[in-house]
Protein backbone atom coordinates (compact mmCIF):
# COMPACT_ATOMS: atom_id res chain seq x y z
CA MET A 1 -5.84 -115.40 -106.90
CA LYS A 2 -8.53 -113.57 -107.47
CA ILE A 3 -8.11 -112.01 -104.24
CA THR A 4 -4.25 -111.67 -104.52
CA PHE A 5 -4.96 -109.63 -107.44
CA PHE A 6 -7.69 -107.49 -106.31
CA TYR A 7 -5.56 -106.55 -103.36
CA LEU A 8 -2.45 -105.93 -105.31
CA THR A 9 -4.66 -103.91 -107.80
CA LEU A 10 -5.58 -101.98 -104.76
CA LEU A 11 -2.24 -101.50 -103.70
CA LEU A 12 -1.06 -99.83 -106.83
CA ASN A 13 -4.12 -97.67 -107.44
CA CYS A 14 -3.14 -96.52 -103.37
CA LEU A 15 0.55 -95.77 -104.58
CA ALA A 16 -0.45 -93.95 -107.39
CA VAL A 17 -2.83 -91.61 -105.44
CA CYS A 18 -0.22 -91.21 -102.97
CA PHE A 19 2.90 -90.69 -105.90
CA ASN A 20 -0.36 -88.18 -107.24
CA GLU A 21 -0.20 -86.66 -103.55
CA ALA A 22 3.88 -86.04 -103.45
CA VAL A 23 3.92 -84.39 -106.55
CA ALA A 24 1.00 -81.79 -106.20
CA ASN A 25 2.63 -81.09 -102.79
CA GLU A 26 5.91 -80.61 -104.34
CA ASP A 27 4.46 -78.59 -107.34
CA ASN A 28 2.30 -76.59 -104.62
CA THR A 29 5.92 -76.12 -102.45
CA ALA A 30 7.77 -74.79 -105.18
CA ASN A 31 5.09 -72.45 -106.45
CA THR A 32 5.04 -71.43 -102.85
CA LYS A 33 8.46 -70.67 -102.13
CA ASN A 34 8.56 -68.73 -106.00
CA ARG A 35 6.05 -66.00 -104.85
CA PRO A 36 6.64 -63.38 -101.80
CA PRO A 37 5.24 -64.66 -98.50
CA ASN A 38 1.97 -64.40 -97.04
CA ILE A 39 2.23 -62.19 -93.99
CA LEU A 40 -0.25 -62.48 -90.11
CA PHE A 41 -0.30 -59.26 -88.28
CA ILE A 42 -1.92 -60.21 -85.24
CA LEU A 43 -2.31 -57.24 -82.55
CA ALA A 44 -3.46 -57.96 -78.95
CA ASP A 45 -5.10 -54.92 -76.97
CA ASP A 46 -3.63 -53.72 -73.79
CA HIS A 47 -0.55 -56.51 -74.20
CA ARG A 48 2.41 -54.85 -72.24
CA TRP A 49 5.74 -56.59 -72.71
CA ASP A 50 7.04 -58.45 -70.22
CA LEU A 51 3.80 -60.34 -69.57
CA LEU A 52 4.95 -63.34 -71.58
CA SER A 53 5.83 -66.44 -69.76
CA ARG A 54 9.39 -66.27 -71.21
CA ASN A 55 9.34 -62.67 -69.16
CA SER A 56 7.56 -64.02 -65.97
CA SER A 57 6.73 -66.72 -63.68
CA GLN A 58 3.53 -66.44 -63.57
CA VAL A 59 1.76 -65.51 -67.00
CA GLN A 60 1.18 -68.61 -69.19
CA THR A 61 1.84 -68.16 -72.56
CA PRO A 62 3.14 -70.92 -74.58
CA ASN A 63 2.65 -71.01 -78.09
CA LEU A 64 4.11 -67.01 -78.20
CA ASP A 65 7.10 -68.44 -76.50
CA ALA A 66 7.23 -70.96 -79.21
CA LEU A 67 6.88 -68.36 -81.72
CA ALA A 68 9.41 -66.39 -80.28
CA ASN A 69 12.26 -69.60 -79.54
CA ASP A 70 11.66 -69.58 -83.71
CA GLY A 71 12.10 -66.46 -84.72
CA VAL A 72 13.03 -63.10 -83.45
CA VAL A 73 12.11 -61.00 -80.41
CA PHE A 74 12.83 -57.52 -80.04
CA GLU A 75 13.23 -56.81 -76.47
CA ASN A 76 12.90 -52.87 -76.60
CA ALA A 77 9.83 -52.52 -78.73
CA PHE A 78 7.80 -49.29 -77.99
CA VAL A 79 4.89 -47.28 -79.40
CA THR A 80 4.69 -43.39 -80.12
CA THR A 81 1.01 -43.40 -78.39
CA PRO A 82 -0.04 -45.32 -75.38
CA ILE A 83 -3.61 -45.56 -76.29
CA CYS A 84 -5.16 -48.00 -78.69
CA ALA A 85 -6.67 -45.55 -81.65
CA SER A 86 -3.69 -43.33 -82.19
CA SER A 87 -1.16 -46.75 -81.87
CA ARG A 88 -3.05 -48.83 -84.14
CA ILE A 89 -3.59 -45.62 -86.97
CA SER A 90 0.39 -45.19 -86.44
CA ILE A 91 0.63 -49.41 -86.98
CA LEU A 92 -1.10 -48.71 -90.36
CA THR A 93 0.47 -45.67 -91.56
CA GLY A 94 3.86 -45.95 -90.29
CA LEU A 95 3.36 -42.00 -88.75
CA THR A 96 3.36 -40.53 -85.17
CA GLU A 97 0.07 -39.41 -84.14
CA ARG A 98 1.72 -35.44 -84.11
CA THR A 99 1.92 -36.09 -88.34
CA HIS A 100 -1.43 -38.25 -88.69
CA ASP A 101 -3.17 -36.53 -86.21
CA PHE A 102 -5.51 -39.42 -85.20
CA THR A 103 -7.23 -39.82 -81.63
CA PHE A 104 -10.63 -40.12 -80.65
CA GLY A 105 -12.91 -36.88 -81.31
CA ARG A 106 -10.50 -36.23 -84.31
CA PRO A 107 -12.01 -36.67 -88.14
CA PRO A 108 -10.68 -39.67 -90.21
CA THR A 109 -7.07 -40.09 -91.11
CA GLY A 110 -6.54 -37.81 -94.09
CA GLU A 111 -6.42 -39.18 -97.43
CA LYS A 112 -2.78 -40.08 -98.49
CA GLU A 113 -2.56 -41.04 -95.18
CA SER A 114 -5.48 -43.68 -95.38
CA SER A 115 -3.94 -44.55 -99.29
CA ASN A 116 -0.88 -45.13 -97.91
CA ILE A 117 -1.48 -47.75 -95.20
CA TYR A 118 0.09 -51.08 -95.71
CA PRO A 119 -2.85 -53.32 -96.49
CA ALA A 120 -3.92 -51.03 -99.68
CA LEU A 121 -0.33 -50.57 -100.99
CA LEU A 122 -0.24 -54.78 -100.71
CA LYS A 123 -3.84 -55.01 -102.05
CA SER A 124 -2.61 -53.01 -105.25
CA ALA A 125 0.44 -54.83 -105.64
CA GLY A 126 -1.36 -57.79 -105.96
CA TYR A 127 -1.88 -59.68 -101.97
CA SER A 128 -5.27 -60.68 -101.32
CA THR A 129 -6.02 -58.37 -97.92
CA GLY A 130 -7.50 -59.04 -94.60
CA PHE A 131 -8.23 -57.40 -91.41
CA VAL A 132 -10.72 -58.83 -88.42
CA GLY A 133 -11.23 -57.66 -85.01
CA LYS A 134 -10.93 -54.69 -83.02
CA TYR A 135 -11.18 -51.45 -85.20
CA GLU A 136 -11.97 -48.29 -83.72
CA ILE A 137 -10.29 -46.23 -85.77
CA LYS A 138 -11.55 -43.81 -89.21
CA LEU A 139 -9.71 -43.81 -92.69
CA SER A 140 -10.63 -41.97 -95.18
CA GLY A 141 -12.14 -43.53 -98.83
CA GLU A 142 -13.70 -47.26 -98.37
CA ASP A 143 -13.07 -50.21 -96.99
CA ASP A 144 -13.15 -52.76 -99.67
CA GLU A 145 -10.18 -50.25 -101.45
CA ARG A 146 -8.07 -51.61 -98.88
CA PHE A 147 -9.53 -54.93 -97.84
CA ASP A 148 -11.06 -57.88 -99.76
CA TYR A 149 -12.08 -59.13 -96.47
CA PHE A 150 -13.02 -56.84 -93.89
CA LYS A 151 -14.92 -57.79 -90.58
CA PRO A 152 -14.51 -54.98 -87.62
CA LEU A 153 -15.88 -55.99 -84.41
CA LEU A 154 -16.85 -53.96 -81.32
CA GLN A 155 -16.15 -55.19 -77.78
CA SER A 156 -18.60 -57.66 -76.98
CA LYS A 157 -18.37 -61.35 -74.74
CA THR A 158 -19.76 -63.22 -77.00
CA ASN A 159 -20.38 -63.14 -80.89
CA GLU A 160 -23.01 -65.27 -83.43
CA TRP A 161 -21.33 -68.26 -84.93
CA ASP A 162 -23.30 -70.76 -86.98
CA GLY A 163 -26.14 -70.13 -84.84
CA GLU A 164 -24.32 -70.11 -81.89
CA GLN A 165 -23.15 -67.59 -79.52
CA ILE A 166 -18.80 -68.41 -78.63
CA PRO A 167 -16.75 -66.13 -76.76
CA GLN A 168 -15.18 -63.05 -78.66
CA THR A 169 -11.57 -64.42 -78.85
CA HIS A 170 -12.80 -67.74 -80.71
CA TYR A 171 -14.78 -65.75 -82.89
CA ILE A 172 -12.07 -63.59 -84.07
CA ARG A 173 -10.02 -66.55 -84.26
CA ASN A 174 -12.73 -68.49 -86.91
CA LEU A 175 -13.02 -65.03 -88.86
CA ALA A 176 -9.23 -65.23 -88.88
CA SER A 177 -9.52 -69.02 -89.96
CA GLU A 178 -12.10 -68.23 -92.34
CA PHE A 179 -10.16 -65.98 -94.36
CA ILE A 180 -6.57 -68.00 -94.43
CA LYS A 181 -8.59 -70.92 -95.80
CA GLN A 182 -10.36 -69.40 -98.33
CA ALA A 183 -6.98 -67.35 -99.29
CA SER A 184 -5.29 -70.27 -99.87
CA THR A 185 -7.49 -71.21 -102.63
CA GLU A 186 -6.18 -68.82 -104.48
CA ASP A 187 -3.11 -68.42 -106.78
CA LYS A 188 -1.52 -65.14 -104.86
CA PRO A 189 -0.10 -63.76 -101.74
CA TRP A 190 -2.15 -62.52 -98.79
CA VAL A 191 -1.90 -60.38 -95.79
CA LEU A 192 -4.50 -60.73 -92.59
CA ALA A 193 -4.59 -58.60 -89.65
CA VAL A 194 -6.45 -60.23 -86.44
CA ASN A 195 -6.73 -57.53 -83.64
CA PHE A 196 -8.00 -59.10 -80.86
CA TRP A 197 -10.15 -57.28 -78.39
CA ASN A 198 -8.35 -59.50 -75.32
CA PRO A 199 -6.80 -58.07 -73.14
CA HIS A 200 -8.16 -55.03 -72.74
CA ALA A 201 -10.93 -54.67 -69.96
CA HIS A 202 -14.63 -54.30 -70.70
CA ASP A 203 -14.85 -50.68 -68.78
CA VAL A 204 -18.24 -50.44 -68.96
CA ASP A 205 -17.90 -54.26 -66.42
CA LYS A 206 -16.84 -52.32 -63.44
CA VAL A 207 -16.79 -55.90 -61.48
CA ASP A 208 -15.28 -58.46 -63.26
CA GLN A 209 -13.56 -55.89 -66.24
CA PHE A 210 -11.72 -58.90 -68.01
CA HIS A 211 -13.75 -61.50 -69.79
CA TYR A 212 -12.30 -64.58 -71.70
CA PRO A 213 -13.60 -68.42 -72.67
CA PRO A 214 -14.80 -70.08 -70.01
CA GLU A 215 -12.20 -73.13 -70.18
CA PHE A 216 -9.86 -70.37 -68.69
CA GLU A 217 -11.27 -69.93 -65.60
CA PRO A 218 -9.29 -72.53 -63.60
CA MET A 219 -6.04 -70.81 -64.99
CA TYR A 220 -3.89 -68.93 -62.11
CA SER A 221 -6.62 -70.35 -59.39
CA ASP A 222 -3.78 -71.77 -57.31
CA VAL A 223 -1.53 -68.83 -58.12
CA GLU A 224 -0.95 -65.71 -55.71
CA ILE A 225 -0.14 -62.63 -58.15
CA GLU A 226 3.37 -61.14 -57.05
CA LYS A 227 3.07 -57.68 -55.64
CA ALA A 228 3.53 -54.76 -58.42
CA ASN A 229 6.18 -52.77 -58.81
CA VAL A 230 6.61 -49.46 -57.10
CA SER A 231 3.49 -49.68 -55.36
CA ASP A 232 3.37 -48.95 -52.14
CA ASP A 233 1.43 -45.66 -50.62
CA THR A 234 4.51 -43.70 -50.59
CA VAL A 235 5.22 -44.13 -54.52
CA PHE A 236 1.70 -43.03 -55.13
CA GLU A 237 2.09 -40.13 -52.32
CA ALA A 238 4.93 -38.16 -54.37
CA LEU A 239 2.86 -37.71 -57.73
CA PRO A 240 1.52 -34.70 -58.74
CA ASP A 241 -2.21 -34.21 -57.92
CA PHE A 242 -3.31 -34.37 -61.09
CA LEU A 243 -1.95 -37.78 -61.91
CA LYS A 244 -3.54 -38.75 -58.17
CA THR A 245 -6.93 -37.10 -59.74
CA SER A 246 -6.53 -38.91 -63.09
CA MET A 247 -8.33 -41.59 -65.11
CA GLY A 248 -5.74 -43.93 -64.00
CA ARG A 249 -6.31 -43.47 -60.61
CA VAL A 250 -10.22 -43.82 -61.16
CA ARG A 251 -10.11 -47.01 -62.97
CA TRP A 252 -7.36 -48.31 -60.27
CA GLU A 253 -10.23 -47.65 -57.31
CA TYR A 254 -12.63 -50.64 -58.81
CA ARG A 255 -9.63 -52.54 -60.06
CA PHE A 256 -6.25 -53.28 -57.96
CA ALA A 257 -8.03 -51.03 -54.58
CA THR A 258 -7.65 -53.92 -52.09
CA GLU A 259 -5.34 -56.79 -51.98
CA GLU A 260 -8.28 -58.63 -52.91
CA MET A 261 -9.22 -57.03 -55.92
CA TYR A 262 -6.35 -57.06 -56.96
CA GLN A 263 -5.14 -60.25 -57.23
CA ARG A 264 -8.83 -61.37 -58.82
CA ILE A 265 -8.61 -59.25 -61.52
CA VAL A 266 -4.99 -59.71 -62.41
CA LYS A 267 -5.51 -63.18 -62.79
CA ARG A 268 -8.65 -62.46 -64.82
CA HIS A 269 -6.26 -60.13 -67.02
CA TYR A 270 -4.08 -63.32 -67.13
CA ARG A 271 -6.40 -65.34 -68.24
CA ALA A 272 -7.25 -62.65 -71.12
CA ILE A 273 -3.56 -62.84 -72.35
CA SER A 274 -3.93 -66.53 -72.24
CA SER A 275 -6.80 -67.09 -74.61
CA VAL A 276 -4.99 -65.05 -76.96
CA ASP A 277 -1.90 -67.13 -76.68
CA ASP A 278 -4.23 -70.61 -77.19
CA ALA A 279 -5.69 -68.48 -80.29
CA VAL A 280 -2.25 -67.78 -81.79
CA GLY A 281 -1.40 -71.02 -81.33
CA SER A 282 -4.57 -72.32 -83.09
CA LEU A 283 -3.89 -70.23 -86.05
CA ASN A 284 -0.61 -71.55 -86.28
CA GLU A 285 -1.61 -74.71 -86.24
CA LEU A 286 -4.04 -74.29 -89.25
CA LEU A 287 -0.80 -72.85 -90.70
CA LYS A 288 0.97 -76.40 -90.29
CA SER A 289 -2.58 -77.85 -91.89
CA LEU A 290 -2.50 -75.87 -95.14
CA HIS A 291 1.07 -76.13 -95.72
CA LEU A 292 1.45 -72.53 -95.76
CA ASP A 293 3.52 -72.31 -91.96
CA ASP A 294 6.79 -72.29 -94.77
CA ASN A 295 6.03 -69.47 -96.39
CA THR A 296 3.88 -67.21 -93.85
CA ILE A 297 5.56 -64.56 -91.57
CA ILE A 298 3.88 -64.02 -88.41
CA ILE A 299 4.14 -60.61 -86.52
CA TYR A 300 3.10 -60.54 -82.72
CA THR A 301 3.01 -57.03 -81.17
CA GLY A 302 0.47 -54.98 -78.51
CA ASP A 303 -0.72 -51.53 -79.14
CA ASN A 304 0.02 -50.20 -76.20
CA GLY A 305 1.03 -51.38 -72.58
CA TYR A 306 -1.00 -50.96 -69.29
CA ALA A 307 -0.55 -50.62 -65.46
CA LEU A 308 -1.24 -52.90 -63.30
CA ASN A 309 -1.59 -51.31 -60.27
CA GLU A 310 2.32 -50.28 -60.96
CA ARG A 311 2.33 -46.33 -58.60
CA GLN A 312 -1.28 -47.39 -57.51
CA LEU A 313 -2.57 -46.57 -61.15
CA ALA A 314 -4.37 -48.19 -63.56
CA GLY A 315 -4.46 -48.13 -67.55
CA LYS A 316 -2.05 -46.52 -70.10
CA TRP A 317 -1.87 -43.04 -71.21
CA PHE A 318 1.07 -41.91 -69.79
CA GLY A 319 5.04 -42.28 -70.30
CA TRP A 320 6.59 -44.52 -68.04
CA GLU A 321 7.44 -48.17 -69.24
CA GLU A 322 4.35 -50.05 -68.31
CA ASP A 323 2.79 -47.77 -70.34
CA LEU A 324 4.94 -47.32 -73.52
CA ARG A 325 6.48 -51.20 -73.86
CA VAL A 326 5.10 -54.11 -76.12
CA PRO A 327 6.09 -57.22 -77.01
CA LEU A 328 7.42 -57.40 -80.49
CA ILE A 329 7.98 -61.16 -82.30
CA ILE A 330 8.41 -61.44 -85.45
CA LYS A 331 8.53 -65.27 -87.36
CA ASP A 332 9.88 -65.86 -90.75
CA PRO A 333 10.29 -69.48 -91.32
CA ARG A 334 12.20 -68.81 -94.70
CA SER A 335 14.98 -68.29 -91.94
CA LEU A 336 14.17 -70.04 -89.11
CA LYS A 337 16.54 -68.87 -86.14
CA HIS A 338 16.05 -67.66 -82.62
CA LYS A 339 17.44 -63.76 -81.96
CA GLU A 340 16.80 -61.38 -79.58
CA ILE A 341 17.37 -57.52 -80.86
CA SER A 342 18.42 -54.73 -78.28
CA GLU A 343 17.89 -52.41 -80.74
CA LEU A 344 15.06 -49.70 -80.01
CA ALA A 345 11.90 -50.73 -82.21
CA LEU A 346 8.74 -48.70 -83.13
CA ASN A 347 5.07 -49.75 -83.87
CA ILE A 348 5.34 -46.91 -86.50
CA ASP A 349 8.39 -49.75 -87.65
CA ILE A 350 5.35 -51.98 -88.57
CA ALA A 351 3.96 -51.02 -91.85
CA PRO A 352 7.86 -50.47 -93.54
CA THR A 353 8.81 -53.78 -92.45
CA ILE A 354 5.78 -55.56 -93.27
CA LEU A 355 6.13 -53.48 -97.22
CA ASP A 356 9.74 -54.36 -96.99
CA PHE A 357 8.98 -58.07 -96.54
CA ALA A 358 6.36 -58.27 -99.35
CA GLY A 359 9.16 -56.60 -101.86
CA VAL A 360 6.68 -53.44 -101.76
CA SER A 361 8.08 -49.83 -101.66
CA ILE A 362 8.27 -48.35 -99.05
CA PRO A 363 6.97 -44.40 -99.16
CA SER A 364 9.02 -41.92 -98.38
CA THR A 365 6.50 -40.50 -95.89
CA TYR A 366 6.85 -43.16 -93.73
CA GLN A 367 8.40 -42.19 -90.30
CA GLY A 368 9.45 -45.65 -88.84
CA ASN A 369 12.31 -47.70 -90.19
CA SER A 370 11.79 -51.51 -91.69
CA LEU A 371 13.18 -53.70 -88.71
CA ILE A 372 14.32 -56.26 -91.73
CA PRO A 373 18.26 -55.36 -91.35
CA LEU A 374 18.34 -55.86 -87.81
CA ILE A 375 16.45 -59.01 -88.21
CA GLY A 376 18.59 -60.06 -91.29
CA GLY A 377 21.78 -59.56 -89.11
CA GLU A 378 22.68 -56.82 -91.56
CA GLU A 379 25.43 -53.95 -90.49
CA VAL A 380 23.57 -51.60 -89.64
CA THR A 381 25.56 -48.72 -89.04
CA GLU A 382 22.99 -45.97 -88.19
CA TRP A 383 19.84 -46.38 -85.68
CA ARG A 384 17.78 -45.15 -83.80
CA ASP A 385 19.18 -44.13 -80.32
CA GLU A 386 16.07 -42.46 -79.05
CA PHE A 387 12.36 -41.83 -80.12
CA PHE A 388 9.58 -39.58 -79.40
CA PHE A 389 6.38 -40.52 -77.89
CA GLU A 390 3.25 -38.41 -76.46
CA HIS A 391 -0.33 -38.92 -76.10
CA MET A 392 -2.20 -35.78 -77.20
CA TYR A 393 -6.12 -37.20 -76.54
CA GLN A 394 -7.82 -34.94 -73.55
CA PRO A 395 -11.54 -35.91 -73.20
CA LYS A 396 -13.81 -34.12 -71.14
CA ARG A 397 -15.56 -36.93 -69.64
CA ALA A 398 -12.38 -38.52 -68.54
CA PRO A 399 -9.32 -37.12 -66.64
CA ILE A 400 -5.74 -38.03 -68.82
CA PRO A 401 -3.33 -35.15 -69.01
CA PRO A 402 -1.62 -35.25 -72.50
CA MET A 403 1.60 -35.24 -72.41
CA TYR A 404 5.01 -35.39 -74.91
CA GLY A 405 8.50 -36.73 -74.27
CA LEU A 406 11.56 -38.51 -75.21
CA ARG A 407 13.32 -41.57 -74.14
CA THR A 408 16.71 -42.44 -74.94
CA THR A 409 18.81 -45.76 -74.70
CA HIS A 410 19.45 -43.60 -71.07
CA TRP A 411 17.26 -41.25 -70.15
CA LYS A 412 13.35 -40.71 -70.16
CA PHE A 413 11.70 -37.39 -69.95
CA VAL A 414 7.93 -36.35 -70.32
CA ASN A 415 6.25 -33.17 -70.14
CA PHE A 416 2.94 -33.02 -69.03
CA TYR A 417 2.60 -29.49 -70.61
CA LYS A 418 -0.94 -28.72 -69.88
CA ASN A 419 -0.06 -29.36 -66.11
CA ASP A 420 3.16 -27.81 -65.70
CA TYR A 421 4.96 -30.39 -64.84
CA LEU A 422 8.38 -32.59 -65.59
CA GLN A 423 9.55 -35.73 -65.12
CA LEU A 424 13.28 -37.03 -66.28
CA TYR A 425 14.55 -40.68 -65.28
CA ASP A 426 17.85 -42.64 -65.44
CA LEU A 427 16.88 -45.63 -67.04
CA GLU A 428 20.16 -47.58 -66.50
CA ASN A 429 20.38 -46.79 -62.97
CA ASP A 430 16.36 -46.71 -61.85
CA PRO A 431 14.90 -48.89 -64.54
CA LEU A 432 11.74 -48.89 -62.29
CA GLU A 433 11.38 -44.83 -62.84
CA THR A 434 11.12 -44.60 -59.30
CA THR A 435 12.83 -40.88 -58.57
CA ASN A 436 12.18 -38.23 -60.59
CA LEU A 437 15.41 -35.86 -61.51
CA ALA A 438 13.57 -32.99 -63.38
CA TYR A 439 13.72 -30.79 -60.77
CA GLU A 440 17.32 -31.56 -59.07
CA GLU A 441 20.21 -28.76 -59.96
CA LYS A 442 22.05 -31.61 -60.74
CA TYR A 443 19.97 -32.43 -64.14
CA GLN A 444 18.44 -29.15 -65.30
CA TYR A 445 20.64 -28.81 -68.02
CA LEU A 446 20.14 -32.24 -69.21
CA THR A 447 16.14 -31.46 -68.72
CA ASN A 448 16.76 -28.59 -70.18
CA GLY A 449 18.29 -30.44 -73.30
CA LEU A 450 15.73 -32.94 -73.83
CA LEU A 451 13.02 -30.66 -73.94
CA GLN A 452 14.22 -28.96 -76.41
CA ARG A 453 14.81 -32.07 -78.45
CA ALA A 454 11.53 -33.40 -77.93
CA ASN A 455 10.22 -29.92 -79.13
CA VAL A 456 12.69 -30.43 -82.23
CA TYR A 457 10.43 -33.69 -83.55
CA ILE A 458 7.58 -32.15 -82.43
CA GLU A 459 8.37 -29.57 -84.90
CA LYS A 460 9.72 -32.04 -87.62
CA TYR A 461 6.44 -34.34 -87.18
CA GLU A 462 3.33 -31.22 -87.56
CA ASN A 463 5.80 -30.11 -90.76
CA ALA A 464 5.60 -33.34 -91.99
CA ARG A 465 1.37 -33.39 -92.40
CA SER A 466 -0.12 -33.62 -95.12
CA GLU A 467 -1.83 -30.44 -96.39
CA GLU A 468 -5.17 -31.85 -95.47
CA VAL A 469 -4.35 -32.19 -92.14
CA LYS A 470 -2.65 -28.91 -91.79
CA SER A 471 -5.43 -27.08 -92.94
CA ARG A 472 -8.02 -28.69 -90.19
CA GLU A 473 -8.70 -26.79 -87.03
CA SER A 474 -5.78 -27.25 -84.57
CA PHE A 475 -5.99 -30.19 -81.70
CA GLU A 476 -7.04 -28.41 -78.85
CA ASN A 477 -3.20 -29.15 -77.50
CA ALA A 478 -1.20 -28.72 -80.23
CA LEU A 479 -0.01 -25.57 -79.77
CA LEU A 480 0.38 -26.10 -75.44
CA GLN A 481 4.09 -27.03 -75.45
CA ASN A 482 6.24 -25.28 -72.84
């Protein structure tokens, strides 16, 4: 009888604990739903749009595919400058390179632009803000004015965690997890930027180039990588000399110069992508374990595209699709519904979209637009059908020709203005951009018209600079348009 009473008491105690936990969980869920959403922004380096397994028969990204299946996929997402430093400032500020004026070798982003980055505005609005991973940019002001948790990293193969060296991708994941766990105990929403270095090459390592956690080594070992588009000798030979001798060709020599090298290096690049995908999956599982997944928006994108032997070149910096086009996936668990959107989305849309999700006013100076009307299926009567892009950086140590251009839904125009060379592509009939129409008589009127429209954007974006930026010494390329 005593034993029976003991077990009955134990059962009642267990039921009471379960009931209290259920009530607590209900209260927690109610509190979560009554406050602004958490926002997890994940940025990969050099991840181009088609290197997701949903778009490729060879790359394996199951976690990003799952994210896409539960969220919104922007099929036509682009960056306005195809290099990390400028693109990352554009993501933070909602401004084009022509306006914020930041790239390698330039002064820090101005005080006004720096104070208007989305983390600073969210911090002022009561959000807990975090940043982990690749930084490599310069902002005016102090980092603790915009970030509660700030862990910038230089590129390395490993970092120390709990006394041992672990792969950097795992290290960035662990830092992100640490912030999320800490923020989950606070009674306010949070926003976290997770900037992976992968799949960026380790440029100083000309043998292996790409690095990843050792468990990914077996991946793709039994796969023969498909030939890159537009990679025949005739395509390369048709390029002007300044592109044939550019940094894109210099890096091609030790990445893709032979078939054996191409197979080996591309597989390493794919493994680096898969390691980021695995980290995304781990962070998503953490959100579930902490019961945060029902009120945490996840945004995934890349800072620019990346050429993998297209035109027998390597890298980015130019105006072709492989340089400009990136993946963009947004999952809002509050309205779980898969959707694919064809409208043009840009990296300068990220900041206004994040602020809009948080219910924070979007600065009138932002040049991007919130993507929420497209995501929500609102009737959007006016949306961009073209965008301006450029790459102003021309280092003394490397042959990278500056350029600017205009992409519409039908046409691509590029002006390599310091080399007096134009490109015009018919994207509808020539999506791989194989035939340059800029010098054909039939297309002279269109070429000139797009040139003039691009120059209108230049004037508009330069006029939008803050007084601080306008007062600076001009960028060496700024006044050299045709």
